[in-house]
Amino acid sequence: MAVRQRRHSKEELARRGQELYEAGIRQQVEAENEGKIVAIDIETGEFEVDETLMGATDRLFERQPDAQPWTLRIGHSAVYHFGARSLKKD
């Protein structure tokens, strides 16, 4: 497997990913996909939704081999969490 080169800082990746999600992707995916993962290419705005992180990012890379993916668990504030506290947005 080839190592993918990151072209943006973690902060820039998160900022751009969140902007794209809020600007229109959320409205397309949130109602029917709560708890699933969305992988967004921060450079093209293309995205994939899947039950797993690997599924969403693999499909995104199939469509956009040079993608710079940012991921989010739909309806939650993080992809993964530790402990008993829920990260579900109210």
PDB file of N, CA and C in Angstrom:
ATOM      1  N   MET A   1       0.841  -1.183   0.000  1.00  0.00           N
ATOM      2  CA  MET A   1       0.000   0.000   0.000  1.00  0.00           C
ATOM      3  C   MET A   1       0.884   1.243   0.000  1.00  0.00           C
ATOM      4  N   ALA A   2       0.601   2.173  -0.861  1.00  0.00           N
ATOM      5  CA  ALA A   2       1.380   3.403  -0.969  1.00  0.00           C
ATOM      6  C   ALA A   2       1.063   4.344   0.188  1.00  0.00           C
ATOM      7  N   VAL A   3       2.089   5.031   0.663  1.00  0.00           N
ATOM      8  CA  VAL A   3       1.897   6.028   1.711  1.00  0.00           C
ATOM      9  C   VAL A   3       1.403   7.305   1.042  1.00  0.00           C
ATOM     10  N   ARG A   4       0.318   7.846   1.554  1.00  0.00           N
ATOM     11  CA  ARG A   4      -0.265   9.060   0.981  1.00  0.00           C
ATOM     12  C   ARG A   4       0.366  10.285   1.643  1.00  0.00           C
ATOM     13  N   GLN A   5       0.693  11.247   0.829  1.00  0.00           N
ATOM     14  CA  GLN A   5       1.320  12.474   1.306  1.00  0.00           C
ATOM     15  C   GLN A   5       0.257  13.469   1.776  1.00  0.00           C
ATOM     16  N   ARG A   6       0.393  13.944   3.005  1.00  0.00           N
ATOM     17  CA  ARG A   6      -0.524  14.956   3.517  1.00  0.00           C
ATOM     18  C   ARG A   6      -0.074  16.317   3.021  1.00  0.00           C
ATOM     19  N   ARG A   7      -1.005  17.089   2.468  1.00  0.00           N
ATOM     20  CA  ARG A   7      -0.679  18.403   1.915  1.00  0.00           C
ATOM     21  C   ARG A   7      -1.155  19.547   2.804  1.00  0.00           C
ATOM     22  N   HIS A   8      -1.858  19.225   3.873  1.00  0.00           N
ATOM     23  CA  HIS A   8      -2.417  20.256   4.746  1.00  0.00           C
ATOM     24  C   HIS A   8      -2.142  19.900   6.201  1.00  0.00           C
ATOM     25  N   SER A   9      -2.068  20.912   7.061  1.00  0.00           N
ATOM     26  CA  SER A   9      -1.916  20.662   8.492  1.00  0.00           C
ATOM     27  C   SER A   9      -3.196  20.017   9.024  1.00  0.00           C
ATOM     28  N   LYS A  10      -3.096  19.401  10.188  1.00  0.00           N
ATOM     29  CA  LYS A  10      -4.273  18.802  10.817  1.00  0.00           C
ATOM     30  C   LYS A  10      -5.357  19.853  11.050  1.00  0.00           C
ATOM     31  N   GLU A  11      -4.931  21.047  11.445  1.00  0.00           N
ATOM     32  CA  GLU A  11      -5.884  22.133  11.716  1.00  0.00           C
ATOM     33  C   GLU A  11      -6.608  22.563  10.442  1.00  0.00           C
ATOM     34  N   GLU A  12      -5.846  22.702   9.345  1.00  0.00           N
ATOM     35  CA  GLU A  12      -6.446  23.100   8.077  1.00  0.00           C
ATOM     36  C   GLU A  12      -7.365  22.008   7.547  1.00  0.00           C
ATOM     37  N   LEU A  13      -6.959  20.765   7.688  1.00  0.00           N
ATOM     38  CA  LEU A  13      -7.785  19.636   7.274  1.00  0.00           C
ATOM     39  C   LEU A  13      -9.128  19.665   8.012  1.00  0.00           C
ATOM     40  N   ALA A  14      -9.079  19.837   9.334  1.00  0.00           N
ATOM     41  CA  ALA A  14     -10.303  19.877  10.145  1.00  0.00           C
ATOM     42  C   ALA A  14     -11.173  21.082   9.798  1.00  0.00           C
ATOM     43  N   ARG A  15     -10.545  22.232   9.628  1.00  0.00           N
ATOM     44  CA  ARG A  15     -11.313  23.449   9.318  1.00  0.00           C
ATOM     45  C   ARG A  15     -12.053  23.296   7.987  1.00  0.00           C
ATOM     46  N   ARG A  16     -11.328  22.861   6.961  1.00  0.00           N
ATOM     47  CA  ARG A  16     -11.936  22.724   5.640  1.00  0.00           C
ATOM     48  C   ARG A  16     -12.993  21.621   5.630  1.00  0.00           C
ATOM     49  N   GLY A  17     -12.713  20.504   6.292  1.00  0.00           N
ATOM     50  CA  GLY A  17     -13.679  19.411   6.345  1.00  0.00           C
ATOM     51  C   GLY A  17     -14.977  19.841   7.019  1.00  0.00           C
ATOM     52  N   GLN A  18     -14.863  20.518   8.155  1.00  0.00           N
ATOM     53  CA  GLN A  18     -16.051  20.986   8.873  1.00  0.00           C
ATOM     54  C   GLN A  18     -16.825  22.004   8.050  1.00  0.00           C
ATOM     55  N   GLU A  19     -16.113  22.909   7.371  1.00  0.00           N
ATOM     56  CA  GLU A  19     -16.782  23.901   6.514  1.00  0.00           C
ATOM     57  C   GLU A  19     -17.592  23.220   5.414  1.00  0.00           C
ATOM     58  N   LEU A  20     -16.984  22.253   4.739  1.00  0.00           N
ATOM     59  CA  LEU A  20     -17.687  21.535   3.663  1.00  0.00           C
ATOM     60  C   LEU A  20     -18.893  20.780   4.208  1.00  0.00           C
ATOM     61  N   TYR A  21     -18.714  20.142   5.366  1.00  0.00           N
ATOM     62  CA  TYR A  21     -19.809  19.390   5.972  1.00  0.00           C
ATOM     63  C   TYR A  21     -20.983  20.316   6.286  1.00  0.00           C
ATOM     64  N   GLU A  22     -20.700  21.431   6.913  1.00  0.00           N
ATOM     65  CA  GLU A  22     -21.762  22.368   7.304  1.00  0.00           C
ATOM     66  C   GLU A  22     -22.382  23.079   6.105  1.00  0.00           C
ATOM     67  N   ALA A  23     -21.602  23.293   5.042  1.00  0.00           N
ATOM     68  CA  ALA A  23     -22.084  24.046   3.878  1.00  0.00           C
ATOM     69  C   ALA A  23     -23.046  23.269   2.985  1.00  0.00           C
ATOM     70  N   GLY A  24     -23.196  21.979   3.178  1.00  0.00           N
ATOM     71  CA  GLY A  24     -24.143  21.271   2.325  1.00  0.00           C
ATOM     72  C   GLY A  24     -24.156  19.764   2.446  1.00  0.00           C
ATOM     73  N   ILE A  25     -23.047  19.182   2.882  1.00  0.00           N
ATOM     74  CA  ILE A  25     -23.016  17.718   2.988  1.00  0.00           C
ATOM     75  C   ILE A  25     -23.924  17.251   4.115  1.00  0.00           C
ATOM     76  N   ARG A  26     -23.927  17.969   5.235  1.00  0.00           N
ATOM     77  CA  ARG A  26     -24.774  17.584   6.381  1.00  0.00           C
ATOM     78  C   ARG A  26     -26.228  17.380   5.937  1.00  0.00           C
ATOM     79  N   GLN A  27     -26.764  18.318   5.162  1.00  0.00           N
ATOM     80  CA  GLN A  27     -28.160  18.229   4.733  1.00  0.00           C
ATOM     81  C   GLN A  27     -28.413  17.009   3.850  1.00  0.00           C
ATOM     82  N   GLN A  28     -27.386  16.547   3.154  1.00  0.00           N
ATOM     83  CA  GLN A  28     -27.535  15.399   2.268  1.00  0.00           C
ATOM     84  C   GLN A  28     -27.452  14.059   3.006  1.00  0.00           C
ATOM     85  N   VAL A  29     -26.743  14.020   4.130  1.00  0.00           N
ATOM     86  CA  VAL A  29     -26.462  12.722   4.747  1.00  0.00           C
ATOM     87  C   VAL A  29     -27.052  12.497   6.134  1.00  0.00           C
ATOM     88  N   GLU A  30     -27.307  13.533   6.896  1.00  0.00           N
ATOM     89  CA  GLU A  30     -27.586  13.364   8.315  1.00  0.00           C
ATOM     90  C   GLU A  30     -28.873  12.600   8.625  1.00  0.00           C
ATOM     91  N   ALA A  31     -29.932  12.873   7.936  1.00  0.00           N
ATOM     92  CA  ALA A  31     -31.225  12.286   8.299  1.00  0.00           C
ATOM     93  C   ALA A  31     -31.242  10.757   8.233  1.00  0.00           C
ATOM     94  N   GLU A  32     -30.575  10.175   7.251  1.00  0.00           N
ATOM     95  CA  GLU A  32     -30.676   8.733   7.051  1.00  0.00           C
ATOM     96  C   GLU A  32     -29.432   7.955   7.442  1.00  0.00           C
ATOM     97  N   ASN A  33     -28.410   8.620   7.935  1.00  0.00           N
ATOM     98  CA  ASN A  33     -27.136   7.949   8.162  1.00  0.00           C
ATOM     99  C   ASN A  33     -26.540   8.166   9.544  1.00  0.00           C
ATOM    100  N   GLU A  34     -27.348   8.462  10.544  1.00  0.00           N
ATOM    101  CA  GLU A  34     -26.840   8.713  11.894  1.00  0.00           C
ATOM    102  C   GLU A  34     -25.953   7.560  12.356  1.00  0.00           C
ATOM    103  N   GLY A  35     -24.770   7.906  12.849  1.00  0.00           N
ATOM    104  CA  GLY A  35     -23.827   6.921  13.364  1.00  0.00           C
ATOM    105  C   GLY A  35     -22.871   6.361  12.325  1.00  0.00           C
ATOM    106  N   LYS A  36     -23.130   6.599  11.052  1.00  0.00           N
ATOM    107  CA  LYS A  36     -22.219   6.150  10.003  1.00  0.00           C
ATOM    108  C   LYS A  36     -21.082   7.162   9.854  1.00  0.00           C
ATOM    109  N   ILE A  37     -20.080   6.780   9.073  1.00  0.00           N
ATOM    110  CA  ILE A  37     -18.913   7.635   8.837  1.00  0.00           C
ATOM    111  C   ILE A  37     -19.032   8.315   7.486  1.00  0.00           C
ATOM    112  N   VAL A  38     -18.736   9.610   7.442  1.00  0.00           N
ATOM    113  CA  VAL A  38     -18.623  10.324   6.174  1.00  0.00           C
ATOM    114  C   VAL A  38     -17.162  10.708   6.002  1.00  0.00           C
ATOM    115  N   ALA A  39     -16.605  10.397   4.827  1.00  0.00           N
ATOM    116  CA  ALA A  39     -15.240  10.787   4.463  1.00  0.00           C
ATOM    117  C   ALA A  39     -15.359  11.839   3.370  1.00  0.00           C
ATOM    118  N   ILE A  40     -14.785  13.011   3.605  1.00  0.00           N
ATOM    119  CA  ILE A  40     -14.896  14.145   2.690  1.00  0.00           C
ATOM    120  C   ILE A  40     -13.512  14.504   2.168  1.00  0.00           C
ATOM    121  N   ASP A  41     -13.381  14.611   0.843  1.00  0.00           N
ATOM    122  CA  ASP A  41     -12.145  15.116   0.254  1.00  0.00           C
ATOM    123  C   ASP A  41     -12.179  16.627   0.388  1.00  0.00           C
ATOM    124  N   ILE A  42     -11.276  17.192   1.180  1.00  0.00           N
ATOM    125  CA  ILE A  42     -11.325  18.630   1.454  1.00  0.00           C
ATOM    126  C   ILE A  42     -10.939  19.478   0.248  1.00  0.00           C
ATOM    127  N   GLU A  43     -10.400  18.861  -0.783  1.00  0.00           N
ATOM    128  CA  GLU A  43     -10.020  19.626  -1.970  1.00  0.00           C
ATOM    129  C   GLU A  43     -11.112  19.656  -3.032  1.00  0.00           C
ATOM    130  N   THR A  44     -11.905  18.591  -3.146  1.00  0.00           N
ATOM    131  CA  THR A  44     -12.947  18.546  -4.175  1.00  0.00           C
ATOM    132  C   THR A  44     -14.352  18.650  -3.603  1.00  0.00           C
ATOM    133  N   GLY A  45     -14.527  18.351  -2.312  1.00  0.00           N
ATOM    134  CA  GLY A  45     -15.856  18.340  -1.711  1.00  0.00           C
ATOM    135  C   GLY A  45     -16.600  17.030  -1.938  1.00  0.00           C
ATOM    136  N   GLU A  46     -15.999  16.092  -2.660  1.00  0.00           N
ATOM    137  CA  GLU A  46     -16.639  14.795  -2.862  1.00  0.00           C
ATOM    138  C   GLU A  46     -16.611  14.029  -1.545  1.00  0.00           C
ATOM    139  N   PHE A  47     -17.598  13.150  -1.351  1.00  0.00           N
ATOM    140  CA  PHE A  47     -17.677  12.414  -0.091  1.00  0.00           C
ATOM    141  C   PHE A  47     -18.263  11.035  -0.297  1.00  0.00           C
ATOM    142  N   GLU A  48     -18.012  10.175   0.688  1.00  0.00           N
ATOM    143  CA  GLU A  48     -18.569   8.832   0.734  1.00  0.00           C
ATOM    144  C   GLU A  48     -19.051   8.565   2.151  1.00  0.00           C
ATOM    145  N   VAL A  49     -20.123   7.784   2.273  1.00  0.00           N
ATOM    146  CA  VAL A  49     -20.674   7.397   3.564  1.00  0.00           C
ATOM    147  C   VAL A  49     -20.617   5.884   3.664  1.00  0.00           C
ATOM    148  N   ASP A  50     -20.230   5.380   4.842  1.00  0.00           N
ATOM    149  CA  ASP A  50     -20.170   3.938   5.050  1.00  0.00           C
ATOM    150  C   ASP A  50     -20.312   3.656   6.537  1.00  0.00           C
ATOM    151  N   GLU A  51     -20.546   2.388   6.858  1.00  0.00           N
ATOM    152  CA  GLU A  51     -20.630   1.962   8.260  1.00  0.00           C
ATOM    153  C   GLU A  51     -19.274   2.074   8.959  1.00  0.00           C
ATOM    154  N   THR A  52     -18.177   1.958   8.177  1.00  0.00           N
ATOM    155  CA  THR A  52     -16.840   1.950   8.771  1.00  0.00           C
ATOM    156  C   THR A  52     -15.969   3.051   8.187  1.00  0.00           C
ATOM    157  N   LEU A  53     -14.951   3.419   8.951  1.00  0.00           N
ATOM    158  CA  LEU A  53     -13.979   4.409   8.508  1.00  0.00           C
ATOM    159  C   LEU A  53     -13.254   3.927   7.258  1.00  0.00           C
ATOM    160  N   MET A  54     -12.798   2.682   7.276  1.00  0.00           N
ATOM    161  CA  MET A  54     -12.074   2.129   6.126  1.00  0.00           C
ATOM    162  C   MET A  54     -12.959   2.057   4.891  1.00  0.00           C
ATOM    163  N   GLY A  55     -14.207   1.668   5.052  1.00  0.00           N
ATOM    164  CA  GLY A  55     -15.116   1.588   3.913  1.00  0.00           C
ATOM    165  C   GLY A  55     -15.321   2.941   3.255  1.00  0.00           C
ATOM    166  N   ALA A  56     -15.558   3.969   4.062  1.00  0.00           N
ATOM    167  CA  ALA A  56     -15.793   5.316   3.518  1.00  0.00           C
ATOM    168  C   ALA A  56     -14.538   5.871   2.850  1.00  0.00           C
ATOM    169  N   THR A  57     -13.382   5.738   3.504  1.00  0.00           N
ATOM    170  CA  THR A  57     -12.170   6.301   2.920  1.00  0.00           C
ATOM    171  C   THR A  57     -11.704   5.493   1.704  1.00  0.00           C
ATOM    172  N   ASP A  58     -11.829   4.169   1.755  1.00  0.00           N
ATOM    173  CA  ASP A  58     -11.431   3.355   0.595  1.00  0.00           C
ATOM    174  C   ASP A  58     -12.243   3.725  -0.643  1.00  0.00           C
ATOM    175  N   ARG A  59     -13.553   3.877  -0.484  1.00  0.00           N
ATOM    176  CA  ARG A  59     -14.390   4.251  -1.624  1.00  0.00           C
ATOM    177  C   ARG A  59     -14.065   5.655  -2.122  1.00  0.00           C
ATOM    178  N   LEU A  60     -13.758   6.567  -1.199  1.00  0.00           N
ATOM    179  CA  LEU A  60     -13.373   7.915  -1.605  1.00  0.00           C
ATOM    180  C   LEU A  60     -12.070   7.860  -2.419  1.00  0.00           C
ATOM    181  N   PHE A  61     -11.088   7.068  -1.960  1.00  0.00           N
ATOM    182  CA  PHE A  61      -9.827   6.941  -2.696  1.00  0.00           C
ATOM    183  C   PHE A  61     -10.014   6.260  -4.046  1.00  0.00           C
ATOM    184  N   GLU A  62     -10.997   5.376  -4.164  1.00  0.00           N
ATOM    185  CA  GLU A  62     -11.287   4.765  -5.469  1.00  0.00           C
ATOM    186  C   GLU A  62     -11.724   5.825  -6.470  1.00  0.00           C
ATOM    187  N   ARG A  63     -12.526   6.768  -6.017  1.00  0.00           N
ATOM    188  CA  ARG A  63     -13.023   7.850  -6.889  1.00  0.00           C
ATOM    189  C   ARG A  63     -12.019   8.974  -7.047  1.00  0.00           C
ATOM    190  N   GLN A  64     -11.296   9.275  -5.966  1.00  0.00           N
ATOM    191  CA  GLN A  64     -10.353  10.404  -5.938  1.00  0.00           C
ATOM    192  C   GLN A  64      -9.022   9.890  -5.366  1.00  0.00           C
ATOM    193  N   PRO A  65      -8.154   9.311  -6.199  1.00  0.00           N
ATOM    194  CA  PRO A  65      -6.908   8.733  -5.687  1.00  0.00           C
ATOM    195  C   PRO A  65      -6.017   9.697  -4.913  1.00  0.00           C
ATOM    196  N   ASP A  66      -6.101  10.989  -5.190  1.00  0.00           N
ATOM    197  CA  ASP A  66      -5.288  11.976  -4.480  1.00  0.00           C
ATOM    198  C   ASP A  66      -6.074  12.702  -3.394  1.00  0.00           C
ATOM    199  N   ALA A  67      -7.162  12.114  -2.939  1.00  0.00           N
ATOM    200  CA  ALA A  67      -8.021  12.757  -1.936  1.00  0.00           C
ATOM    201  C   ALA A  67      -7.251  13.091  -0.666  1.00  0.00           C
ATOM    202  N   GLN A  68      -7.685  14.158  -0.015  1.00  0.00           N
ATOM    203  CA  GLN A  68      -7.212  14.551   1.304  1.00  0.00           C
ATOM    204  C   GLN A  68      -8.419  14.410   2.229  1.00  0.00           C
ATOM    205  N   PRO A  69      -8.667  13.192   2.763  1.00  0.00           N
ATOM    206  CA  PRO A  69      -9.916  12.938   3.480  1.00  0.00           C
ATOM    207  C   PRO A  69      -9.948  13.459   4.914  1.00  0.00           C
ATOM    208  N   TRP A  70     -11.116  13.950   5.268  1.00  0.00           N
ATOM    209  CA  TRP A  70     -11.457  14.311   6.639  1.00  0.00           C
ATOM    210  C   TRP A  70     -12.682  13.476   6.973  1.00  0.00           C
ATOM    211  N   THR A  71     -12.738  12.910   8.165  1.00  0.00           N
ATOM    212  CA  THR A  71     -13.840  12.008   8.508  1.00  0.00           C
ATOM    213  C   THR A  71     -14.594  12.483   9.731  1.00  0.00           C
ATOM    214  N   LEU A  72     -15.856  12.079   9.775  1.00  0.00           N
ATOM    215  CA  LEU A  72     -16.750  12.436  10.877  1.00  0.00           C
ATOM    216  C   LEU A  72     -17.784  11.343  11.040  1.00  0.00           C
ATOM    217  N   ARG A  73     -18.133  11.028  12.288  1.00  0.00           N
ATOM    218  CA  ARG A  73     -19.263  10.131  12.544  1.00  0.00           C
ATOM    219  C   ARG A  73     -20.510  11.015  12.519  1.00  0.00           C
ATOM    220  N   ILE A  74     -21.416  10.733  11.622  1.00  0.00           N
ATOM    221  CA  ILE A  74     -22.603  11.562  11.395  1.00  0.00           C
ATOM    222  C   ILE A  74     -23.468  11.617  12.655  1.00  0.00           C
ATOM    223  N   GLY A  75     -23.751  12.839  13.084  1.00  0.00           N
ATOM    224  CA  GLY A  75     -24.570  13.062  14.268  1.00  0.00           C
ATOM    225  C   GLY A  75     -23.792  13.037  15.568  1.00  0.00           C
ATOM    226  N   HIS A  76     -22.462  12.928  15.507  1.00  0.00           N
ATOM    227  CA  HIS A  76     -21.606  12.861  16.691  1.00  0.00           C
ATOM    228  C   HIS A  76     -20.483  13.881  16.564  1.00  0.00           C
ATOM    229  N   SER A  77     -19.812  14.174  17.663  1.00  0.00           N
ATOM    230  CA  SER A  77     -18.739  15.167  17.629  1.00  0.00           C
ATOM    231  C   SER A  77     -17.368  14.564  17.345  1.00  0.00           C
ATOM    232  N   ALA A  78     -17.265  13.238  17.266  1.00  0.00           N
ATOM    233  CA  ALA A  78     -15.988  12.585  16.962  1.00  0.00           C
ATOM    234  C   ALA A  78     -16.257  11.254  16.285  1.00  0.00           C
ATOM    235  N   VAL A  79     -15.246  10.730  15.584  1.00  0.00           N
ATOM    236  CA  VAL A  79     -15.393   9.426  14.941  1.00  0.00           C
ATOM    237  C   VAL A  79     -15.413   8.343  15.997  1.00  0.00           C
ATOM    238  N   TYR A  80     -14.474   8.379  16.949  1.00  0.00           N
ATOM    239  CA  TYR A  80     -14.380   7.393  18.023  1.00  0.00           C
ATOM    240  C   TYR A  80     -14.377   8.104  19.361  1.00  0.00           C
ATOM    241  N   HIS A  81     -14.759   7.377  20.416  1.00  0.00           N
ATOM    242  CA  HIS A  81     -14.645   7.929  21.760  1.00  0.00           C
ATOM    243  C   HIS A  81     -14.292   6.814  22.726  1.00  0.00           C
ATOM    244  N   PHE A  82     -13.743   7.201  23.865  1.00  0.00           N
ATOM    245  CA  PHE A  82     -13.385   6.258  24.916  1.00  0.00           C
ATOM    246  C   PHE A  82     -14.176   6.619  26.152  1.00  0.00           C
ATOM    247  N   GLY A  83     -14.606   5.624  26.898  1.00  0.00           N
ATOM    248  CA  GLY A  83     -15.355   5.867  28.116  1.00  0.00           C
ATOM    249  C   GLY A  83     -16.846   5.768  27.893  1.00  0.00           C
ATOM    250  N   ALA A  84     -17.581   6.013  28.943  1.00  0.00           N
ATOM    251  CA  ALA A  84     -19.030   5.813  28.923  1.00  0.00           C
ATOM    252  C   ALA A  84     -19.819   7.001  28.416  1.00  0.00           C
ATOM    253  N   ARG A  85     -19.203   8.172  28.368  1.00  0.00           N
ATOM    254  CA  ARG A  85     -19.921   9.372  27.989  1.00  0.00           C
ATOM    255  C   ARG A  85     -20.226   9.394  26.485  1.00  0.00           C
ATOM    256  N   SER A  86     -21.424   9.692  26.114  1.00  0.00           N
ATOM    257  CA  SER A  86     -21.835   9.749  24.716  1.00  0.00           C
ATOM    258  C   SER A  86     -21.351  11.024  24.069  1.00  0.00           C
ATOM    259  N   LEU A  87     -20.963  10.923  22.784  1.00  0.00           N
ATOM    260  CA  LEU A  87     -20.562  12.097  22.017  1.00  0.00           C
ATOM    261  C   LEU A  87     -21.646  12.528  21.051  1.00  0.00           C
ATOM    262  N   LYS A  88     -22.837  11.948  21.191  1.00  0.00           N
ATOM    263  CA  LYS A  88     -23.939  12.295  20.300  1.00  0.00           C
ATOM    264  C   LYS A  88     -24.320  13.748  20.511  1.00  0.00           C
ATOM    265  N   LYS A  89     -24.501  14.462  19.402  1.00  0.00           N
ATOM    266  CA  LYS A  89     -24.924  15.862  19.488  1.00  0.00           C
ATOM    267  C   LYS A  89     -26.405  15.904  19.810  1.00  0.00           C
ATOM    268  N   ASP A  90     -26.769  16.802  20.711  1.00  0.00           N
ATOM    269  CA  ASP A  90     -28.197  16.944  21.069  1.00  0.00           C
ATOM    270  C   ASP A  90     -28.847  18.035  20.276  1.00  0.00           C
TER     271      ASP A  90
END
